[in-house]
Every structure is written in structure tokens, then in C-alpha cells.
């Protein structure tokens, strides 16, 4: 049974048939949603504009695959999430922290560390970022995304379940297990005296 909750299926069909006006309208309507998804899962060394463009390219090259079994926004969101996950997996295989990856406060802390004038709070900023990155890297990209949606974006369980094509119970269980894994790792670091 076709699903057109968001009303974008006809627009997507027109864009798939080569209607450039429909394609432009899809970009305008979907850009805020996809921007939010990309920024929630943005790998460190990735330009958000490049990643959003990659999501749109994938979406338009796959329009013929959309079967209207779910709202078009869910289908497009899944492409965005998958694209971000692929990029995160690539980064995990080739980890590297560049100076350009640091925000302004972290860059100042780095400069202070290199010059030997680091203040304790500057060192704590860098250490906290490293710890957070280390802990989140222990999770699968899907679990990492799920925790970001829950804890940073405040998305509902039903929204996350639809986005991940899982049942709500499965989403709750995966989030709980991911948090338990993070807690266990923190406790292990404390036991080693590293925290």
C-alpha cells in the first residue's frame, strides 16, 4: 500500500521523470531536514556542505528505487544517515586529528599546550574531547547516531524507530545497551586510574 504521509511522492516521481522544477522543489523542501541529519552525524574531517551535496546526489540517482512504502522524508533521511555512517566508518579506518578539526577553544588549548603556557581548563577541554571521541568510537555508527538523536537532538523513540526501520522496543534496547557499554568503559578507565 503506497504511503504518502509527507506529500512528496508525486514530486519525487516528477523529479525521477526529469522534471527539473520538481527536483529543485525537493531540494528546497528536504534541505532543512537533511542539513539537521548531516550536522548530527558529521564526521570530524568532513565539510557539511560537501556531505549534504553527496546525500542529494545519492538521493537523485536512486529516485527510481523509491517505492512509496514509507514517507519520502523517511527514505531520504535513511540515505542521509547511511551516507554519514559510511563516512564515519571510513574515518574510523583512517583516524587522524588535524588542527583544522579543532574548534576555536580547542585550537587555543592546543597552542597553549605546544607553547607550554597551557592553563588547566584548556587541557581539560582537549582531554574531554579526546575522551568523548574515544568512547563514542567504541559504538557502532548506528548506535552512535541513535544516542545523538536521543540525547542531543531529543528525537522521539517513534521517529528514531522509523528512521532506523526498527521497532520501538528494539530502539530502546539498543540505546540502553549502547549507554551500558559507555558506562562500562568509563568505569574501566576509572579502575585504571585514567579518570
N, C-alpha and C. Protein backbone atom coordinates (compact mmCIF):
# COMPACT_ATOMS: atom_id res chain seq x y z
N UNK A 1 0.85 -1.19 0.00
CA UNK A 1 0.00 0.00 0.00
C UNK A 1 0.89 1.25 0.00
N UNK A 2 0.75 2.12 -0.98
CA UNK A 2 1.59 3.31 -1.06
C UNK A 2 1.40 4.22 0.15
N UNK A 3 2.46 4.85 0.55
CA UNK A 3 2.44 5.76 1.69
C UNK A 3 2.89 7.13 1.21
N UNK A 4 2.05 8.14 1.43
CA UNK A 4 2.42 9.49 1.01
C UNK A 4 2.08 10.48 2.13
N UNK A 5 2.53 10.14 3.36
CA UNK A 5 2.24 10.99 4.52
C UNK A 5 2.77 12.41 4.35
N UNK A 6 3.93 12.54 3.75
CA UNK A 6 4.54 13.86 3.64
C UNK A 6 4.17 14.58 2.34
N UNK A 7 3.46 13.91 1.43
CA UNK A 7 3.02 14.53 0.19
C UNK A 7 4.11 14.73 -0.85
N UNK A 8 5.26 14.11 -0.67
CA UNK A 8 6.38 14.33 -1.58
C UNK A 8 6.50 13.26 -2.66
N UNK A 9 5.72 12.18 -2.57
CA UNK A 9 5.84 11.10 -3.55
C UNK A 9 5.59 11.59 -4.98
N UNK A 10 4.54 12.38 -5.24
CA UNK A 10 4.34 12.86 -6.61
C UNK A 10 5.49 13.75 -7.10
N UNK A 11 6.02 14.56 -6.21
CA UNK A 11 7.14 15.43 -6.55
C UNK A 11 8.37 14.59 -6.88
N UNK A 12 8.60 13.53 -6.09
CA UNK A 12 9.72 12.63 -6.34
C UNK A 12 9.56 11.92 -7.67
N UNK A 13 8.34 11.50 -7.98
CA UNK A 13 8.08 10.83 -9.26
C UNK A 13 8.35 11.78 -10.43
N UNK A 14 7.94 13.03 -10.28
CA UNK A 14 8.19 14.02 -11.33
C UNK A 14 9.69 14.27 -11.50
N UNK A 15 10.40 14.37 -10.39
CA UNK A 15 11.85 14.58 -10.45
C UNK A 15 12.53 13.38 -11.09
N UNK A 16 12.06 12.18 -10.78
CA UNK A 16 12.64 10.96 -11.37
C UNK A 16 12.40 10.93 -12.88
N UNK A 17 11.31 11.55 -13.32
CA UNK A 17 10.99 11.59 -14.74
C UNK A 17 11.73 12.71 -15.47
N UNK A 18 12.55 13.47 -14.73
CA UNK A 18 13.36 14.50 -15.37
C UNK A 18 12.86 15.92 -15.19
N UNK A 19 11.84 16.14 -14.38
CA UNK A 19 11.29 17.48 -14.15
C UNK A 19 12.25 18.26 -13.23
N UNK A 20 12.97 19.22 -13.80
CA UNK A 20 13.97 19.97 -13.03
C UNK A 20 13.32 20.87 -11.98
N UNK A 21 12.15 21.39 -12.25
CA UNK A 21 11.46 22.23 -11.27
C UNK A 21 11.08 21.40 -10.05
N UNK A 22 10.62 20.18 -10.28
CA UNK A 22 10.29 19.28 -9.18
C UNK A 22 11.54 18.93 -8.37
N UNK A 23 12.65 18.72 -9.06
CA UNK A 23 13.91 18.40 -8.38
C UNK A 23 14.35 19.57 -7.50
N UNK A 24 14.25 20.80 -8.03
CA UNK A 24 14.62 21.98 -7.24
C UNK A 24 13.71 22.12 -6.02
N UNK A 25 12.42 21.86 -6.21
CA UNK A 25 11.49 21.96 -5.08
C UNK A 25 11.79 20.91 -4.02
N UNK A 26 12.15 19.70 -4.46
CA UNK A 26 12.54 18.66 -3.50
C UNK A 26 13.75 19.10 -2.69
N UNK A 27 14.74 19.68 -3.35
CA UNK A 27 15.93 20.15 -2.65
C UNK A 27 15.55 21.20 -1.62
N UNK A 28 14.72 22.16 -2.01
CA UNK A 28 14.30 23.22 -1.09
C UNK A 28 13.54 22.66 0.11
N UNK A 29 12.66 21.69 -0.13
CA UNK A 29 11.86 21.13 0.96
C UNK A 29 12.67 20.22 1.88
N UNK A 30 13.60 19.48 1.30
CA UNK A 30 14.36 18.49 2.09
C UNK A 30 15.63 19.05 2.72
N UNK A 31 16.14 20.15 2.21
CA UNK A 31 17.42 20.66 2.71
C UNK A 31 17.44 20.86 4.23
N UNK A 32 16.42 21.48 4.86
CA UNK A 32 16.49 21.66 6.33
C UNK A 32 16.58 20.33 7.09
N UNK A 33 15.80 19.34 6.66
CA UNK A 33 15.82 18.03 7.32
C UNK A 33 17.18 17.35 7.14
N UNK A 34 17.68 17.33 5.92
CA UNK A 34 18.95 16.65 5.64
C UNK A 34 20.12 17.41 6.28
N UNK A 35 20.04 18.73 6.33
CA UNK A 35 21.07 19.52 7.00
C UNK A 35 21.16 19.12 8.46
N UNK A 36 20.01 18.97 9.09
CA UNK A 36 19.98 18.59 10.51
C UNK A 36 20.57 17.20 10.72
N UNK A 37 20.25 16.28 9.86
CA UNK A 37 20.78 14.92 9.98
C UNK A 37 22.30 14.92 9.78
N UNK A 38 22.75 15.60 8.74
CA UNK A 38 24.19 15.63 8.46
C UNK A 38 24.95 16.27 9.62
N UNK A 39 24.44 17.36 10.16
CA UNK A 39 25.13 18.01 11.26
C UNK A 39 25.11 17.18 12.54
N UNK A 40 24.11 16.34 12.70
CA UNK A 40 24.05 15.46 13.87
C UNK A 40 25.06 14.33 13.77
N UNK A 41 25.44 13.97 12.57
CA UNK A 41 26.35 12.83 12.37
C UNK A 41 27.62 13.22 11.66
N UNK A 42 27.93 14.48 11.65
CA UNK A 42 29.04 14.99 10.86
C UNK A 42 30.37 14.43 11.33
N UNK A 43 31.03 13.69 10.49
CA UNK A 43 32.38 13.25 10.83
C UNK A 43 33.30 14.47 10.96
N UNK A 44 34.31 14.34 11.80
CA UNK A 44 35.19 15.47 12.12
C UNK A 44 35.80 16.14 10.91
N UNK A 45 36.31 15.39 9.98
CA UNK A 45 37.08 15.97 8.89
C UNK A 45 36.23 16.21 7.64
N UNK A 46 34.95 16.35 7.81
CA UNK A 46 34.07 16.45 6.65
C UNK A 46 33.41 17.82 6.60
N UNK A 47 33.41 18.41 5.42
CA UNK A 47 32.72 19.67 5.20
C UNK A 47 31.22 19.35 5.09
N UNK A 48 30.38 19.98 5.91
CA UNK A 48 28.95 19.66 5.88
C UNK A 48 28.31 19.91 4.51
N UNK A 49 28.73 20.97 3.83
CA UNK A 49 28.14 21.25 2.52
C UNK A 49 28.47 20.15 1.51
N UNK A 50 29.69 19.64 1.57
CA UNK A 50 30.07 18.53 0.68
C UNK A 50 29.24 17.29 0.97
N UNK A 51 29.04 17.01 2.26
CA UNK A 51 28.30 15.81 2.64
C UNK A 51 26.82 15.93 2.27
N UNK A 52 26.24 17.11 2.45
CA UNK A 52 24.84 17.31 2.06
C UNK A 52 24.70 17.15 0.55
N UNK A 53 25.65 17.69 -0.20
CA UNK A 53 25.62 17.54 -1.65
C UNK A 53 25.71 16.07 -2.03
N UNK A 54 26.56 15.33 -1.35
CA UNK A 54 26.68 13.89 -1.63
C UNK A 54 25.36 13.17 -1.34
N UNK A 55 24.68 13.56 -0.27
CA UNK A 55 23.38 12.96 0.05
C UNK A 55 22.38 13.23 -1.07
N UNK A 56 22.32 14.48 -1.54
CA UNK A 56 21.38 14.80 -2.62
C UNK A 56 21.74 14.05 -3.90
N UNK A 57 23.01 13.93 -4.21
CA UNK A 57 23.40 13.19 -5.42
C UNK A 57 22.93 11.74 -5.31
N UNK A 58 23.17 11.13 -4.16
CA UNK A 58 22.73 9.74 -3.97
C UNK A 58 21.20 9.64 -4.07
N UNK A 59 20.52 10.60 -3.45
CA UNK A 59 19.06 10.56 -3.47
C UNK A 59 18.53 10.65 -4.91
N UNK A 60 19.05 11.59 -5.68
CA UNK A 60 18.55 11.75 -7.04
C UNK A 60 18.93 10.59 -7.95
N UNK A 61 20.09 9.99 -7.72
CA UNK A 61 20.46 8.85 -8.57
C UNK A 61 19.67 7.60 -8.20
N UNK A 62 19.03 7.61 -7.03
CA UNK A 62 18.24 6.45 -6.59
C UNK A 62 16.74 6.71 -6.58
N UNK A 63 16.30 7.82 -7.11
CA UNK A 63 14.86 8.12 -7.09
C UNK A 63 14.03 6.99 -7.69
N UNK A 64 14.56 6.34 -8.69
CA UNK A 64 13.81 5.24 -9.32
C UNK A 64 13.60 4.07 -8.37
N UNK A 65 14.35 4.02 -7.26
CA UNK A 65 14.21 2.93 -6.29
C UNK A 65 13.13 3.21 -5.24
N UNK A 66 12.69 4.45 -5.13
CA UNK A 66 11.67 4.79 -4.13
C UNK A 66 10.35 4.15 -4.51
N UNK A 67 9.78 3.37 -3.60
CA UNK A 67 8.54 2.62 -3.87
C UNK A 67 7.34 3.15 -3.09
N UNK A 68 7.47 4.24 -2.38
CA UNK A 68 6.37 4.85 -1.62
C UNK A 68 5.80 3.91 -0.56
N UNK A 69 6.65 3.03 0.00
CA UNK A 69 6.22 2.16 1.08
C UNK A 69 6.33 2.88 2.43
N UNK A 70 7.06 3.96 2.45
CA UNK A 70 7.20 4.81 3.63
C UNK A 70 7.21 6.25 3.11
N UNK A 71 7.03 7.22 4.01
CA UNK A 71 7.08 8.61 3.54
C UNK A 71 8.42 8.92 2.88
N UNK A 72 8.39 9.78 1.89
CA UNK A 72 9.61 10.12 1.16
C UNK A 72 10.67 10.69 2.08
N UNK A 73 10.25 11.49 3.08
CA UNK A 73 11.23 12.07 4.01
C UNK A 73 11.97 10.99 4.77
N UNK A 74 11.30 9.88 5.12
CA UNK A 74 11.98 8.78 5.81
C UNK A 74 13.01 8.14 4.88
N UNK A 75 12.62 7.95 3.63
CA UNK A 75 13.52 7.34 2.64
C UNK A 75 14.75 8.22 2.44
N UNK A 76 14.54 9.53 2.28
CA UNK A 76 15.66 10.46 2.09
C UNK A 76 16.52 10.54 3.36
N UNK A 77 15.89 10.51 4.52
CA UNK A 77 16.62 10.53 5.79
C UNK A 77 17.52 9.32 5.91
N UNK A 78 17.02 8.18 5.49
CA UNK A 78 17.81 6.95 5.56
C UNK A 78 19.06 7.06 4.67
N UNK A 79 18.90 7.66 3.51
CA UNK A 79 20.06 7.86 2.63
C UNK A 79 21.07 8.78 3.32
N UNK A 80 20.59 9.84 3.96
CA UNK A 80 21.48 10.78 4.66
C UNK A 80 22.22 10.08 5.79
N UNK A 81 21.50 9.31 6.59
CA UNK A 81 22.12 8.60 7.71
C UNK A 81 23.15 7.59 7.19
N UNK A 82 22.78 6.84 6.17
CA UNK A 82 23.70 5.84 5.62
C UNK A 82 24.95 6.51 5.06
N UNK A 83 24.79 7.62 4.39
CA UNK A 83 25.94 8.35 3.84
C UNK A 83 26.86 8.81 4.97
N UNK A 84 26.28 9.33 6.04
CA UNK A 84 27.08 9.76 7.19
C UNK A 84 27.77 8.57 7.85
N UNK A 85 27.06 7.46 7.99
CA UNK A 85 27.64 6.26 8.60
C UNK A 85 28.81 5.74 7.76
N UNK A 86 28.64 5.76 6.46
CA UNK A 86 29.74 5.32 5.58
C UNK A 86 30.96 6.21 5.78
N UNK A 87 30.73 7.51 5.90
CA UNK A 87 31.85 8.43 6.09
C UNK A 87 32.51 8.20 7.46
N UNK A 88 31.68 7.94 8.50
CA UNK A 88 32.23 7.66 9.82
C UNK A 88 33.05 6.38 9.82
N UNK A 89 32.57 5.36 9.12
CA UNK A 89 33.32 4.10 9.02
C UNK A 89 34.65 4.33 8.32
N UNK A 90 34.63 5.16 7.29
CA UNK A 90 35.86 5.48 6.58
C UNK A 90 36.85 6.18 7.52
N UNK A 91 36.35 7.12 8.31
CA UNK A 91 37.22 7.83 9.25
C UNK A 91 37.77 6.90 10.31
N UNK A 92 36.95 5.95 10.74
CA UNK A 92 37.40 5.02 11.77
C UNK A 92 38.55 4.16 11.25
N UNK A 93 38.49 3.82 9.95
CA UNK A 93 39.58 3.04 9.35
C UNK A 93 40.83 3.87 9.19
N UNK A 94 40.67 5.18 9.04
CA UNK A 94 41.82 6.08 8.82
C UNK A 94 41.75 7.24 9.81
N UNK A 95 41.88 6.95 11.12
CA UNK A 95 41.76 8.02 12.10
C UNK A 95 42.94 8.99 12.05
N UNK A 96 42.61 10.24 12.18
CA UNK A 96 43.65 11.27 12.25
C UNK A 96 42.97 12.54 12.74
N UNK A 97 43.62 13.24 13.59
CA UNK A 97 43.10 14.51 14.07
C UNK A 97 43.98 15.61 13.50
N UNK A 98 43.36 16.49 12.77
CA UNK A 98 44.10 17.61 12.18
C UNK A 98 43.78 18.87 12.95
N UNK A 99 44.66 19.82 12.88
CA UNK A 99 44.43 21.09 13.56
C UNK A 99 43.13 21.74 13.09
N UNK A 100 42.79 21.57 11.83
CA UNK A 100 41.56 22.16 11.29
C UNK A 100 40.31 21.51 11.89
N UNK A 101 40.45 20.34 12.51
CA UNK A 101 39.31 19.66 13.13
C UNK A 101 38.92 20.29 14.47
N UNK A 102 39.80 21.11 15.01
CA UNK A 102 39.56 21.69 16.33
C UNK A 102 38.71 22.95 16.22
N UNK A 103 37.83 23.14 17.23
CA UNK A 103 37.09 24.39 17.26
C UNK A 103 38.01 25.47 17.83
N UNK A 104 37.53 26.69 17.93
CA UNK A 104 38.38 27.81 18.35
C UNK A 104 38.97 27.61 19.74
N UNK A 105 38.16 27.15 20.68
CA UNK A 105 38.63 26.95 22.05
C UNK A 105 39.67 25.83 22.10
N UNK A 106 39.42 24.75 21.37
CA UNK A 106 40.36 23.64 21.33
C UNK A 106 41.67 24.04 20.66
N UNK A 107 41.58 24.87 19.63
CA UNK A 107 42.79 25.33 18.94
C UNK A 107 43.64 26.18 19.89
N UNK A 108 42.99 27.06 20.68
CA UNK A 108 43.73 27.86 21.66
C UNK A 108 44.41 26.95 22.69
N UNK A 109 43.66 25.93 23.15
CA UNK A 109 44.22 24.99 24.12
C UNK A 109 45.43 24.27 23.52
N UNK A 110 45.33 23.89 22.26
CA UNK A 110 46.44 23.21 21.59
C UNK A 110 47.66 24.14 21.52
N UNK A 111 47.41 25.39 21.13
CA UNK A 111 48.51 26.35 21.05
C UNK A 111 49.17 26.53 22.41
N UNK A 112 48.36 26.61 23.47
CA UNK A 112 48.91 26.77 24.81
C UNK A 112 49.71 25.54 25.22
N UNK A 113 49.22 24.37 24.87
CA UNK A 113 49.94 23.15 25.20
C UNK A 113 51.29 23.12 24.49
N UNK A 114 51.30 23.51 23.22
CA UNK A 114 52.53 23.47 22.43
C UNK A 114 53.54 24.52 22.92
N UNK A 115 53.03 25.64 23.45
CA UNK A 115 53.94 26.69 23.91
C UNK A 115 54.32 26.51 25.37
N UNK A 116 53.67 25.56 26.05
CA UNK A 116 53.98 25.33 27.46
C UNK A 116 53.28 26.28 28.40
N UNK A 117 52.32 27.06 27.91
CA UNK A 117 51.60 28.01 28.75
C UNK A 117 50.16 27.57 29.00
N UNK A 118 49.91 26.29 28.87
CA UNK A 118 48.54 25.78 28.99
C UNK A 118 47.99 25.98 30.39
N UNK A 119 46.78 26.44 30.45
CA UNK A 119 46.05 26.55 31.70
C UNK A 119 45.33 25.22 31.94
N UNK A 120 45.05 24.86 33.21
CA UNK A 120 44.39 23.58 33.47
C UNK A 120 43.07 23.42 32.72
N UNK A 121 42.28 24.50 32.61
CA UNK A 121 40.99 24.37 31.92
C UNK A 121 41.17 24.10 30.43
N UNK A 122 42.22 24.62 29.83
CA UNK A 122 42.48 24.37 28.42
C UNK A 122 42.84 22.91 28.20
N UNK A 123 43.62 22.36 29.10
CA UNK A 123 43.97 20.95 28.99
C UNK A 123 42.74 20.07 29.17
N UNK A 124 41.84 20.48 30.05
CA UNK A 124 40.63 19.70 30.30
C UNK A 124 39.74 19.67 29.06
N UNK A 125 39.68 20.76 28.31
CA UNK A 125 38.87 20.80 27.08
C UNK A 125 39.36 19.75 26.09
N UNK A 126 40.67 19.72 25.88
CA UNK A 126 41.24 18.77 24.94
C UNK A 126 41.04 17.35 25.44
N UNK A 127 41.27 17.12 26.72
CA UNK A 127 41.12 15.79 27.29
C UNK A 127 39.67 15.32 27.21
N UNK A 128 38.73 16.22 27.46
CA UNK A 128 37.32 15.85 27.40
C UNK A 128 36.92 15.46 25.98
N UNK A 129 37.42 16.21 25.01
CA UNK A 129 37.09 15.89 23.62
C UNK A 129 37.67 14.53 23.23
N UNK A 130 38.91 14.30 23.62
CA UNK A 130 39.54 13.03 23.29
C UNK A 130 38.79 11.87 23.94
N UNK A 131 38.38 12.05 25.20
CA UNK A 131 37.65 11.01 25.90
C UNK A 131 36.30 10.75 25.24
N UNK A 132 35.58 11.82 24.92
CA UNK A 132 34.27 11.65 24.27
C UNK A 132 34.41 10.95 22.93
N UNK A 133 35.40 11.36 22.13
CA UNK A 133 35.62 10.71 20.83
C UNK A 133 35.98 9.24 21.02
N UNK A 134 36.84 8.97 22.00
CA UNK A 134 37.24 7.58 22.26
C UNK A 134 36.03 6.73 22.64
N UNK A 135 35.21 7.25 23.53
CA UNK A 135 34.05 6.49 23.98
C UNK A 135 33.05 6.28 22.85
N UNK A 136 32.77 7.32 22.09
CA UNK A 136 31.80 7.17 21.00
C UNK A 136 32.32 6.27 19.89
N UNK A 137 33.63 6.24 19.69
CA UNK A 137 34.21 5.36 18.67
C UNK A 137 34.05 3.89 19.02
N UNK A 138 33.76 3.59 20.28
CA UNK A 138 33.55 2.21 20.69
C UNK A 138 32.21 1.67 20.19
N UNK A 139 31.31 2.57 19.87
CA UNK A 139 29.97 2.19 19.44
C UNK A 139 29.94 2.00 17.93
N UNK A 140 28.97 1.23 17.48
CA UNK A 140 28.76 1.12 16.04
C UNK A 140 28.23 2.47 15.55
N UNK A 141 28.42 2.79 14.27
CA UNK A 141 27.90 4.07 13.77
C UNK A 141 26.39 4.22 14.01
N UNK A 142 25.66 3.13 13.91
CA UNK A 142 24.21 3.20 14.13
C UNK A 142 23.89 3.55 15.57
N UNK A 143 24.59 2.90 16.53
CA UNK A 143 24.34 3.19 17.94
C UNK A 143 24.78 4.61 18.30
N UNK A 144 25.88 5.03 17.69
CA UNK A 144 26.36 6.39 17.92
C UNK A 144 25.32 7.40 17.45
N UNK A 145 24.77 7.16 16.27
CA UNK A 145 23.73 8.05 15.73
C UNK A 145 22.50 8.04 16.62
N UNK A 146 22.11 6.85 17.06
CA UNK A 146 20.91 6.74 17.90
C UNK A 146 21.06 7.55 19.19
N UNK A 147 22.20 7.45 19.83
CA UNK A 147 22.41 8.22 21.06
C UNK A 147 22.41 9.72 20.79
N UNK A 148 22.96 10.12 19.65
CA UNK A 148 22.92 11.55 19.31
C UNK A 148 21.47 12.01 19.12
N UNK A 149 20.69 11.18 18.42
CA UNK A 149 19.27 11.55 18.21
C UNK A 149 18.54 11.65 19.54
N UNK A 150 18.76 10.67 20.42
CA UNK A 150 18.09 10.68 21.72
C UNK A 150 18.57 11.84 22.58
N UNK A 151 19.86 11.87 22.80
CA UNK A 151 20.41 12.73 23.83
C UNK A 151 20.73 14.15 23.39
N UNK A 152 21.08 14.34 22.14
CA UNK A 152 21.41 15.70 21.68
C UNK A 152 20.25 16.37 20.96
N UNK A 153 19.58 15.60 20.09
CA UNK A 153 18.50 16.18 19.30
C UNK A 153 17.15 16.09 20.00
N UNK A 154 17.02 15.17 20.95
CA UNK A 154 15.75 14.99 21.65
C UNK A 154 14.66 14.38 20.78
N UNK A 155 15.05 13.59 19.78
CA UNK A 155 14.06 12.95 18.91
C UNK A 155 13.28 11.90 19.69
N UNK A 156 12.06 11.65 19.26
CA UNK A 156 11.21 10.65 19.92
C UNK A 156 11.61 9.25 19.49
N UNK A 157 11.24 8.29 20.30
CA UNK A 157 11.54 6.89 20.00
C UNK A 157 10.88 6.48 18.69
N UNK A 158 9.65 6.93 18.47
CA UNK A 158 8.95 6.55 17.23
C UNK A 158 9.64 7.13 16.00
N UNK A 159 10.16 8.36 16.09
CA UNK A 159 10.89 8.95 14.96
C UNK A 159 12.17 8.16 14.67
N UNK A 160 12.88 7.82 15.73
CA UNK A 160 14.13 7.07 15.56
C UNK A 160 13.85 5.68 15.02
N UNK A 161 12.80 5.05 15.52
CA UNK A 161 12.43 3.71 15.03
C UNK A 161 12.10 3.76 13.54
N UNK A 162 11.36 4.76 13.11
CA UNK A 162 11.03 4.88 11.69
C UNK A 162 12.28 5.14 10.86
N UNK A 163 13.17 5.99 11.36
CA UNK A 163 14.38 6.33 10.63
C UNK A 163 15.30 5.11 10.49
N UNK A 164 15.34 4.28 11.54
CA UNK A 164 16.25 3.13 11.52
C UNK A 164 15.57 1.86 11.03
N UNK A 165 14.27 1.96 10.74
CA UNK A 165 13.48 0.80 10.31
C UNK A 165 13.56 -0.33 11.33
N UNK A 166 13.35 0.04 12.60
CA UNK A 166 13.34 -0.91 13.71
C UNK A 166 12.06 -0.68 14.51
N UNK A 167 11.73 -1.64 15.34
CA UNK A 167 10.62 -1.46 16.26
C UNK A 167 11.05 -0.56 17.41
N UNK A 168 10.07 0.04 18.08
CA UNK A 168 10.40 0.94 19.19
C UNK A 168 11.11 0.20 20.31
N UNK A 169 10.72 -1.05 20.57
CA UNK A 169 11.38 -1.84 21.62
C UNK A 169 12.84 -2.07 21.28
N UNK A 170 13.11 -2.36 20.02
CA UNK A 170 14.50 -2.59 19.59
C UNK A 170 15.33 -1.32 19.75
N UNK A 171 14.74 -0.17 19.45
CA UNK A 171 15.45 1.09 19.60
C UNK A 171 15.79 1.33 21.07
N UNK A 172 14.81 1.11 21.96
CA UNK A 172 15.05 1.31 23.39
C UNK A 172 16.16 0.38 23.88
N UNK A 173 16.11 -0.88 23.44
CA UNK A 173 17.10 -1.85 23.89
C UNK A 173 18.50 -1.49 23.38
N UNK A 174 18.60 -1.11 22.10
CA UNK A 174 19.91 -0.75 21.54
C UNK A 174 20.48 0.48 22.24
N UNK A 175 19.62 1.46 22.52
CA UNK A 175 20.10 2.67 23.21
C UNK A 175 20.57 2.32 24.62
N UNK A 176 19.83 1.47 25.30
CA UNK A 176 20.21 1.05 26.65
C UNK A 176 21.54 0.31 26.63
N UNK A 177 21.71 -0.60 25.69
CA UNK A 177 22.97 -1.35 25.60
C UNK A 177 24.14 -0.44 25.24
N UNK A 178 23.91 0.52 24.37
CA UNK A 178 24.98 1.46 24.00
C UNK A 178 25.41 2.28 25.21
N UNK A 179 24.44 2.75 25.99
CA UNK A 179 24.78 3.52 27.20
C UNK A 179 25.52 2.65 28.21
N UNK A 180 25.07 1.38 28.36
CA UNK A 180 25.76 0.46 29.28
C UNK A 180 27.21 0.26 28.85
N UNK A 181 27.43 0.13 27.56
CA UNK A 181 28.79 -0.04 27.05
C UNK A 181 29.65 1.17 27.39
N UNK A 182 29.09 2.36 27.21
CA UNK A 182 29.83 3.58 27.54
C UNK A 182 30.13 3.66 29.03
N UNK A 183 29.12 3.33 29.87
CA UNK A 183 29.34 3.34 31.33
C UNK A 183 30.42 2.35 31.73
N UNK A 184 30.39 1.15 31.15
CA UNK A 184 31.39 0.13 31.48
C UNK A 184 32.79 0.61 31.11
N UNK A 185 32.91 1.26 29.98
CA UNK A 185 34.22 1.77 29.55
C UNK A 185 34.71 2.87 30.48
N UNK A 186 33.82 3.76 30.90
CA UNK A 186 34.19 4.82 31.85
C UNK A 186 34.66 4.19 33.16
N UNK A 187 33.93 3.19 33.64
CA UNK A 187 34.32 2.52 34.89
C UNK A 187 35.68 1.83 34.74
N UNK A 188 35.93 1.23 33.58
CA UNK A 188 37.22 0.57 33.35
C UNK A 188 38.35 1.61 33.36
N UNK A 189 38.11 2.76 32.78
CA UNK A 189 39.11 3.83 32.80
C UNK A 189 39.35 4.34 34.21
N UNK A 190 38.27 4.45 35.00
CA UNK A 190 38.42 4.88 36.40
C UNK A 190 39.21 3.85 37.20
N UNK A 191 38.92 2.57 36.98
CA UNK A 191 39.62 1.50 37.70
C UNK A 191 41.12 1.51 37.38
N UNK A 192 41.47 1.93 36.18
CA UNK A 192 42.88 2.02 35.78
C UNK A 192 43.51 3.32 36.27
N UNK A 193 42.70 4.18 36.88
CA UNK A 193 43.21 5.45 37.35
C UNK A 193 43.39 6.48 36.26
N UNK A 194 42.76 6.27 35.11
CA UNK A 194 42.90 7.18 33.99
C UNK A 194 41.87 8.30 34.01
N UNK A 195 40.92 8.20 34.89
CA UNK A 195 39.90 9.27 35.04
C UNK A 195 39.87 9.78 36.46
